[in-house]
Amino acid sequence: MERATLQYVRRQWTWFAREPDVRWIDAGAGTPERVAGMIEAMAKEEGMVA
């Protein structure tokens, strides 16, 4: 099970590495509220929310 999980993670990293529009967020950058604020700010920058 551990090996299968590691293989799955590697496949995900490979897939995401090829996606040019993926923007990573450091979820350990603070409280959940702060991380949510970061996501909201990014969405506003991209024009996804008003």
C-alpha atoms as a PDB file:
ATOM      1  CA  MET A   1       0.000   0.000   0.000  1.00  0.00           C
ATOM      2  CA  GLU A   2       2.834   2.416   0.822  1.00  0.00           C
ATOM      3  CA  ARG A   3       4.531   1.736  -2.501  1.00  0.00           C
ATOM      4  CA  ALA A   4       1.294   2.240  -4.420  1.00  0.00           C
ATOM      5  CA  THR A   5       0.688   5.530  -2.604  1.00  0.00           C
ATOM      6  CA  LEU A   6       4.193   6.767  -3.413  1.00  0.00           C
ATOM      7  CA  GLN A   7       3.734   5.811  -7.074  1.00  0.00           C
ATOM      8  CA  TYR A   8       0.436   7.696  -7.145  1.00  0.00           C
ATOM      9  CA  VAL A   9       2.074  10.785  -5.655  1.00  0.00           C
ATOM     10  CA  ARG A  10       4.831  10.657  -8.252  1.00  0.00           C
ATOM     11  CA  ARG A  11       2.280  10.443 -11.058  1.00  0.00           C
ATOM     12  CA  GLN A  12       0.463  13.471  -9.642  1.00  0.00           C
ATOM     13  CA  TRP A  13       3.693  15.510  -9.429  1.00  0.00           C
ATOM     14  CA  THR A  14       4.499  14.607 -13.022  1.00  0.00           C
ATOM     15  CA  TRP A  15       1.030  15.600 -14.199  1.00  0.00           C
ATOM     16  CA  PHE A  16       1.020  18.903 -12.309  1.00  0.00           C
ATOM     17  CA  ALA A  17       4.535  19.746 -13.522  1.00  0.00           C
ATOM     18  CA  ARG A  18       3.169  19.806 -17.090  1.00  0.00           C
ATOM     19  CA  GLU A  19       0.288  22.135 -16.237  1.00  0.00           C
ATOM     20  CA  PRO A  20       1.460  25.715 -16.910  1.00  0.00           C
ATOM     21  CA  ASP A  21      -1.429  27.445 -15.127  1.00  0.00           C
ATOM     22  CA  VAL A  22      -1.111  25.667 -11.776  1.00  0.00           C
ATOM     23  CA  ARG A  23      -0.338  28.070  -8.948  1.00  0.00           C
ATOM     24  CA  TRP A  24       0.877  26.508  -5.736  1.00  0.00           C
ATOM     25  CA  ILE A  25      -0.153  27.772  -2.322  1.00  0.00           C
ATOM     26  CA  ASP A  26       1.826  27.106   0.832  1.00  0.00           C
ATOM     27  CA  ALA A  27      -0.947  25.697   3.021  1.00  0.00           C
ATOM     28  CA  GLY A  28       1.436  25.780   5.983  1.00  0.00           C
ATOM     29  CA  ALA A  29       1.781  29.564   5.657  1.00  0.00           C
ATOM     30  CA  GLY A  30      -0.506  30.276   8.558  1.00  0.00           C
ATOM     31  CA  THR A  31      -4.005  29.790   9.805  1.00  0.00           C
ATOM     32  CA  PRO A  32      -6.752  28.430   7.556  1.00  0.00           C
ATOM     33  CA  GLU A  33      -8.225  31.935   7.433  1.00  0.00           C
ATOM     34  CA  ARG A  34      -4.929  33.372   6.177  1.00  0.00           C
ATOM     35  CA  VAL A  35      -4.601  30.677   3.515  1.00  0.00           C
ATOM     36  CA  ALA A  36      -8.214  31.337   2.445  1.00  0.00           C
ATOM     37  CA  GLY A  37      -7.331  35.037   2.186  1.00  0.00           C
ATOM     38  CA  MET A  38      -4.369  34.175  -0.033  1.00  0.00           C
ATOM     39  CA  ILE A  39      -6.631  32.123  -2.298  1.00  0.00           C
ATOM     40  CA  GLU A  40      -9.185  34.930  -2.446  1.00  0.00           C
ATOM     41  CA  ALA A  41      -6.480  37.471  -3.338  1.00  0.00           C
ATOM     42  CA  MET A  42      -5.185  35.211  -6.111  1.00  0.00           C
ATOM     43  CA  ALA A  43      -8.722  34.749  -7.464  1.00  0.00           C
ATOM     44  CA  LYS A  44      -9.228  38.534  -7.495  1.00  0.00           C
ATOM     45  CA  GLU A  45      -5.918  39.005  -9.346  1.00  0.00           C
ATOM     46  CA  GLU A  46      -7.078  36.534 -11.984  1.00  0.00           C
ATOM     47  CA  GLY A  47     -10.477  38.236 -12.262  1.00  0.00           C
ATOM     48  CA  MET A  48     -12.323  35.156 -11.043  1.00  0.00           C
ATOM     49  CA  VAL A  49     -14.198  37.052  -8.317  1.00  0.00           C
ATOM     50  CA  ALA A  50     -15.238  40.645  -7.892  1.00  0.00           C
END
